[in-house]
Amino acid sequence: KKLNKIKKEREEKEREKNTLSRRRKNHEKRKKSTKKKVRLASMSPFQILVENIIQEGKKQSMSEIASLVKALTVDNAFENDKCEAAHYIKVKMEAAKGEWLPDGNPAKDKATKRTHAVMKILEECKKNVKEIFKVKEKLKSPKFRAFKTETLLKINVKENLKIQNIDF
């Protein structure tokens, strides 16, 4: 009887220990989850995307830079923020020792290959910016201003005629 009583007490203590450890683990999980939610709430959508890409890369045993470059070049994850992503990756690569290697053989070195991929996208971004400035300059030209004024006047006349129920 005493042995059974001692066994039951031991089992009870063991159950209590297990319950406490489960509660601690659940509490730690909730705490981590809350910290992560708070951290994500303070981030921009771009930063959240970068964070998710890095986490996915870690699941596949990829380095941060490798996963970001893959997302930029292969997966097209940064379709709207391609230029911003390329600049971000360049800064990250320059900060990491031996990652930003513009001089080298891309066929032999992965870091050089990634560098060239990012550089190519940055060049595209420069071209796009130049084109935007060209368009802005055209919009400021006297010819366009005259065209814009004439068009706005025509639209205004049509609107006035519609208000007066006159169809043409």
C-alpha atoms as a PDB file:
ATOM      1  CA  LYS A   1       0.000   0.000   0.000  1.00  0.00           C
ATOM      2  CA  LYS A   2       2.770   2.407   0.874  1.00  0.00           C
ATOM      3  CA  LEU A   3       4.600   1.563  -2.370  1.00  0.00           C
ATOM      4  CA  ASN A   4       1.462   2.223  -4.387  1.00  0.00           C
ATOM      5  CA  LYS A   5       0.937   5.472  -2.529  1.00  0.00           C
ATOM      6  CA  ILE A   6       4.545   6.530  -3.176  1.00  0.00           C
ATOM      7  CA  LYS A   7       4.194   5.562  -6.869  1.00  0.00           C
ATOM      8  CA  LYS A   8       1.012   7.603  -7.179  1.00  0.00           C
ATOM      9  CA  GLU A   9       2.664  10.586  -5.542  1.00  0.00           C
ATOM     10  CA  ARG A  10       5.621  10.314  -7.913  1.00  0.00           C
ATOM     11  CA  GLU A  11       3.312  10.028 -10.903  1.00  0.00           C
ATOM     12  CA  GLU A  12       1.358  13.025  -9.689  1.00  0.00           C
ATOM     13  CA  LYS A  13       4.533  15.073  -9.266  1.00  0.00           C
ATOM     14  CA  GLU A  14       5.670  13.997 -12.727  1.00  0.00           C
ATOM     15  CA  ARG A  15       2.318  15.047 -14.213  1.00  0.00           C
ATOM     16  CA  GLU A  16       2.573  18.406 -12.461  1.00  0.00           C
ATOM     17  CA  LYS A  17       6.097  18.901 -13.831  1.00  0.00           C
ATOM     18  CA  ASN A  18       4.920  18.039 -17.341  1.00  0.00           C
ATOM     19  CA  THR A  19       1.947  20.383 -17.016  1.00  0.00           C
ATOM     20  CA  LEU A  20       4.158  23.203 -15.781  1.00  0.00           C
ATOM     21  CA  SER A  21       6.697  22.682 -18.552  1.00  0.00           C
ATOM     22  CA  ARG A  22       3.888  22.625 -21.169  1.00  0.00           C
ATOM     23  CA  ARG A  23       2.455  25.830 -19.721  1.00  0.00           C
ATOM     24  CA  ARG A  24       5.890  27.483 -19.781  1.00  0.00           C
ATOM     25  CA  LYS A  25       6.436  26.415 -23.383  1.00  0.00           C
ATOM     26  CA  ASN A  26       3.004  27.701 -24.407  1.00  0.00           C
ATOM     27  CA  HIS A  27       3.647  30.958 -22.580  1.00  0.00           C
ATOM     28  CA  GLU A  28       7.013  31.359 -24.334  1.00  0.00           C
ATOM     29  CA  LYS A  29       5.402  30.631 -27.709  1.00  0.00           C
ATOM     30  CA  ARG A  30       2.703  33.238 -27.093  1.00  0.00           C
ATOM     31  CA  LYS A  31       5.328  35.719 -25.931  1.00  0.00           C
ATOM     32  CA  LYS A  32       7.434  35.133 -29.064  1.00  0.00           C
ATOM     33  CA  SER A  33       4.347  35.397 -31.248  1.00  0.00           C
ATOM     34  CA  THR A  34       3.362  38.681 -29.613  1.00  0.00           C
ATOM     35  CA  LYS A  35       6.884  40.083 -30.035  1.00  0.00           C
ATOM     36  CA  LYS A  36       6.864  39.062 -33.689  1.00  0.00           C
ATOM     37  CA  LYS A  37       3.451  40.688 -34.257  1.00  0.00           C
ATOM     38  CA  VAL A  38       4.612  43.903 -32.609  1.00  0.00           C
ATOM     39  CA  ARG A  39       7.792  43.911 -34.671  1.00  0.00           C
ATOM     40  CA  LEU A  40       5.875  43.263 -37.906  1.00  0.00           C
ATOM     41  CA  ALA A  41       3.337  45.972 -37.095  1.00  0.00           C
ATOM     42  CA  SER A  42       6.129  48.537 -36.927  1.00  0.00           C
ATOM     43  CA  MET A  43       7.550  47.504 -40.333  1.00  0.00           C
ATOM     44  CA  SER A  44       6.713  48.781 -43.794  1.00  0.00           C
ATOM     45  CA  PRO A  45       5.196  46.354 -46.337  1.00  0.00           C
ATOM     46  CA  PHE A  46       8.567  46.210 -48.091  1.00  0.00           C
ATOM     47  CA  GLN A  47      10.343  45.276 -44.843  1.00  0.00           C
ATOM     48  CA  ILE A  48       7.734  42.618 -44.106  1.00  0.00           C
ATOM     49  CA  LEU A  49       8.237  41.136 -47.577  1.00  0.00           C
ATOM     50  CA  VAL A  50      12.011  41.086 -47.075  1.00  0.00           C
ATOM     51  CA  GLU A  51      11.590  39.444 -43.668  1.00  0.00           C
ATOM     52  CA  ASN A  52       9.298  36.751 -45.119  1.00  0.00           C
ATOM     53  CA  ILE A  53      11.708  36.046 -47.975  1.00  0.00           C
ATOM     54  CA  ILE A  54      14.618  35.705 -45.550  1.00  0.00           C
ATOM     55  CA  GLN A  55      12.600  33.331 -43.344  1.00  0.00           C
ATOM     56  CA  GLU A  56      11.638  31.200 -46.354  1.00  0.00           C
ATOM     57  CA  GLY A  57      15.285  31.122 -47.411  1.00  0.00           C
ATOM     58  CA  LYS A  58      16.360  29.973 -43.958  1.00  0.00           C
ATOM     59  CA  LYS A  59      13.900  27.074 -44.225  1.00  0.00           C
ATOM     60  CA  GLN A  60      15.722  26.043 -47.411  1.00  0.00           C
ATOM     61  CA  SER A  61      19.149  26.583 -45.797  1.00  0.00           C
ATOM     62  CA  MET A  62      19.894  29.618 -47.968  1.00  0.00           C
ATOM     63  CA  SER A  63      21.789  32.682 -46.842  1.00  0.00           C
ATOM     64  CA  GLU A  64      19.885  35.957 -46.490  1.00  0.00           C
ATOM     65  CA  ILE A  65      21.568  37.474 -49.529  1.00  0.00           C
ATOM     66  CA  ALA A  66      21.099  34.391 -51.694  1.00  0.00           C
ATOM     67  CA  SER A  67      17.389  34.208 -50.869  1.00  0.00           C
ATOM     68  CA  LEU A  68      16.905  37.940 -51.533  1.00  0.00           C
ATOM     69  CA  VAL A  69      18.739  37.806 -54.870  1.00  0.00           C
ATOM     70  CA  LYS A  70      16.737  34.737 -55.883  1.00  0.00           C
ATOM     71  CA  ALA A  71      13.502  36.509 -54.956  1.00  0.00           C
ATOM     72  CA  LEU A  72      14.593  39.550 -56.962  1.00  0.00           C
ATOM     73  CA  THR A  73      15.794  37.792 -60.095  1.00  0.00           C
ATOM     74  CA  VAL A  74      14.012  34.438 -60.320  1.00  0.00           C
ATOM     75  CA  ASP A  75      10.825  34.629 -58.261  1.00  0.00           C
ATOM     76  CA  ASN A  76      10.012  38.262 -59.154  1.00  0.00           C
ATOM     77  CA  ALA A  77       8.758  38.771 -55.591  1.00  0.00           C
ATOM     78  CA  PHE A  78       9.630  42.478 -55.674  1.00  0.00           C
ATOM     79  CA  GLU A  79       7.678  43.284 -58.826  1.00  0.00           C
ATOM     80  CA  ASN A  80       6.553  46.730 -57.605  1.00  0.00           C
ATOM     81  CA  ASP A  81       9.636  47.519 -55.527  1.00  0.00           C
ATOM     82  CA  LYS A  82      12.329  46.094 -57.779  1.00  0.00           C
ATOM     83  CA  CYS A  83      14.600  49.147 -57.658  1.00  0.00           C
ATOM     84  CA  GLU A  84      14.237  49.593 -53.920  1.00  0.00           C
ATOM     85  CA  ALA A  85      14.948  45.885 -53.424  1.00  0.00           C
ATOM     86  CA  ALA A  86      18.026  46.020 -55.649  1.00  0.00           C
ATOM     87  CA  HIS A  87      19.417  48.986 -53.685  1.00  0.00           C
ATOM     88  CA  TYR A  88      18.647  47.236 -50.400  1.00  0.00           C
ATOM     89  CA  ILE A  89      20.370  44.038 -51.526  1.00  0.00           C
ATOM     90  CA  LYS A  90      23.383  45.987 -52.793  1.00  0.00           C
ATOM     91  CA  VAL A  91      23.798  47.689 -49.399  1.00  0.00           C
ATOM     92  CA  LYS A  92      23.404  44.351 -47.632  1.00  0.00           C
ATOM     93  CA  MET A  93      25.969  42.732 -49.932  1.00  0.00           C
ATOM     94  CA  GLU A  94      28.450  45.569 -49.440  1.00  0.00           C
ATOM     95  CA  ALA A  95      28.063  45.246 -45.680  1.00  0.00           C
ATOM     96  CA  ALA A  96      28.722  41.494 -45.813  1.00  0.00           C
ATOM     97  CA  LYS A  97      32.360  40.682 -46.342  1.00  0.00           C
ATOM     98  CA  GLY A  98      33.071  39.134 -49.719  1.00  0.00           C
ATOM     99  CA  GLU A  99      29.554  39.361 -51.135  1.00  0.00           C
ATOM    100  CA  TRP A 100      29.686  42.448 -53.377  1.00  0.00           C
ATOM    101  CA  LEU A 101      32.164  41.462 -56.074  1.00  0.00           C
ATOM    102  CA  PRO A 102      31.679  43.474 -59.278  1.00  0.00           C
ATOM    103  CA  ASP A 103      35.039  42.302 -60.625  1.00  0.00           C
ATOM    104  CA  GLY A 104      35.375  38.607 -61.119  1.00  0.00           C
ATOM    105  CA  ASN A 105      34.182  35.669 -63.117  1.00  0.00           C
ATOM    106  CA  PRO A 106      30.449  35.004 -62.643  1.00  0.00           C
ATOM    107  CA  ALA A 107      30.878  31.496 -64.028  1.00  0.00           C
ATOM    108  CA  LYS A 108      33.223  30.571 -61.182  1.00  0.00           C
ATOM    109  CA  ASP A 109      31.976  32.620 -58.239  1.00  0.00           C
ATOM    110  CA  LYS A 110      28.394  32.700 -56.926  1.00  0.00           C
ATOM    111  CA  ALA A 111      28.914  36.024 -55.170  1.00  0.00           C
ATOM    112  CA  THR A 112      30.083  37.621 -58.415  1.00  0.00           C
ATOM    113  CA  LYS A 113      27.114  36.110 -60.252  1.00  0.00           C
ATOM    114  CA  ARG A 114      24.695  37.548 -57.657  1.00  0.00           C
ATOM    115  CA  THR A 115      26.488  40.916 -57.809  1.00  0.00           C
ATOM    116  CA  HIS A 116      26.130  41.055 -61.592  1.00  0.00           C
ATOM    117  CA  ALA A 117      22.425  40.167 -61.357  1.00  0.00           C
ATOM    118  CA  VAL A 118      21.815  43.020 -58.900  1.00  0.00           C
ATOM    119  CA  MET A 119      23.924  45.420 -60.986  1.00  0.00           C
ATOM    120  CA  LYS A 120      21.864  44.570 -64.080  1.00  0.00           C
ATOM    121  CA  ILE A 121      18.632  45.459 -62.287  1.00  0.00           C
ATOM    122  CA  LEU A 122      20.157  48.670 -60.931  1.00  0.00           C
ATOM    123  CA  GLU A 123      21.106  49.654 -64.498  1.00  0.00           C
ATOM    124  CA  GLU A 124      17.508  49.049 -65.601  1.00  0.00           C
ATOM    125  CA  CYS A 125      16.354  51.271 -62.755  1.00  0.00           C
ATOM    126  CA  LYS A 126      18.707  54.065 -63.877  1.00  0.00           C
ATOM    127  CA  LYS A 127      17.324  53.838 -67.421  1.00  0.00           C
ATOM    128  CA  ASN A 128      13.754  54.034 -66.110  1.00  0.00           C
ATOM    129  CA  VAL A 129      14.569  57.091 -64.013  1.00  0.00           C
ATOM    130  CA  LYS A 130      16.161  58.806 -67.021  1.00  0.00           C
ATOM    131  CA  GLU A 131      13.054  58.082 -69.104  1.00  0.00           C
ATOM    132  CA  ILE A 132      10.822  59.517 -66.384  1.00  0.00           C
ATOM    133  CA  PHE A 133      12.863  62.723 -66.350  1.00  0.00           C
ATOM    134  CA  LYS A 134      12.616  62.934 -70.154  1.00  0.00           C
ATOM    135  CA  VAL A 135       8.827  62.624 -69.953  1.00  0.00           C
ATOM    136  CA  LYS A 136       8.680  65.245 -67.197  1.00  0.00           C
ATOM    137  CA  GLU A 137      10.721  67.626 -69.358  1.00  0.00           C
ATOM    138  CA  LYS A 138       8.362  67.042 -72.290  1.00  0.00           C
ATOM    139  CA  LEU A 139       5.395  67.778 -70.049  1.00  0.00           C
ATOM    140  CA  LYS A 140       6.958  71.127 -69.149  1.00  0.00           C
ATOM    141  CA  SER A 141       7.456  72.102 -72.788  1.00  0.00           C
ATOM    142  CA  PRO A 142       5.389  74.993 -74.249  1.00  0.00           C
ATOM    143  CA  LYS A 143       3.945  72.724 -76.982  1.00  0.00           C
ATOM    144  CA  PHE A 144       2.534  70.305 -74.439  1.00  0.00           C
ATOM    145  CA  ARG A 145       1.178  73.117 -72.274  1.00  0.00           C
ATOM    146  CA  ALA A 146      -0.675  74.525 -75.287  1.00  0.00           C
ATOM    147  CA  PHE A 147      -2.027  71.055 -76.155  1.00  0.00           C
ATOM    148  CA  LYS A 148      -3.054  70.466 -72.537  1.00  0.00           C
ATOM    149  CA  THR A 149      -4.822  73.837 -72.347  1.00  0.00           C
ATOM    150  CA  GLU A 150      -6.635  73.218 -75.643  1.00  0.00           C
ATOM    151  CA  THR A 151      -7.718  69.737 -74.540  1.00  0.00           C
ATOM    152  CA  LEU A 152      -8.945  70.985 -71.180  1.00  0.00           C
ATOM    153  CA  LEU A 153     -10.949  73.707 -72.922  1.00  0.00           C
ATOM    154  CA  LYS A 154     -12.559  71.122 -75.224  1.00  0.00           C
ATOM    155  CA  ILE A 155     -13.425  68.921 -72.256  1.00  0.00           C
ATOM    156  CA  ASN A 156     -14.831  71.924 -70.416  1.00  0.00           C
ATOM    157  CA  VAL A 157     -16.995  72.876 -73.413  1.00  0.00           C
ATOM    158  CA  LYS A 158     -18.299  69.300 -73.708  1.00  0.00           C
ATOM    159  CA  GLU A 159     -19.111  69.227 -69.990  1.00  0.00           C
ATOM    160  CA  ASN A 160     -20.996  72.535 -70.259  1.00  0.00           C
ATOM    161  CA  LEU A 161     -22.967  71.248 -73.237  1.00  0.00           C
ATOM    162  CA  LYS A 162     -23.859  68.074 -71.350  1.00  0.00           C
ATOM    163  CA  ILE A 163     -25.018  70.103 -68.378  1.00  0.00           C
ATOM    164  CA  GLN A 164     -27.283  72.073 -70.738  1.00  0.00           C
ATOM    165  CA  ASN A 165     -28.580  68.751 -72.226  1.00  0.00           C
ATOM    166  CA  ILE A 166     -27.177  69.485 -75.650  1.00  0.00           C
ATOM    167  CA  ASP A 167     -25.846  66.464 -77.485  1.00  0.00           C
ATOM    168  CA  PHE A 168     -23.534  66.789 -80.445  1.00  0.00           C
END
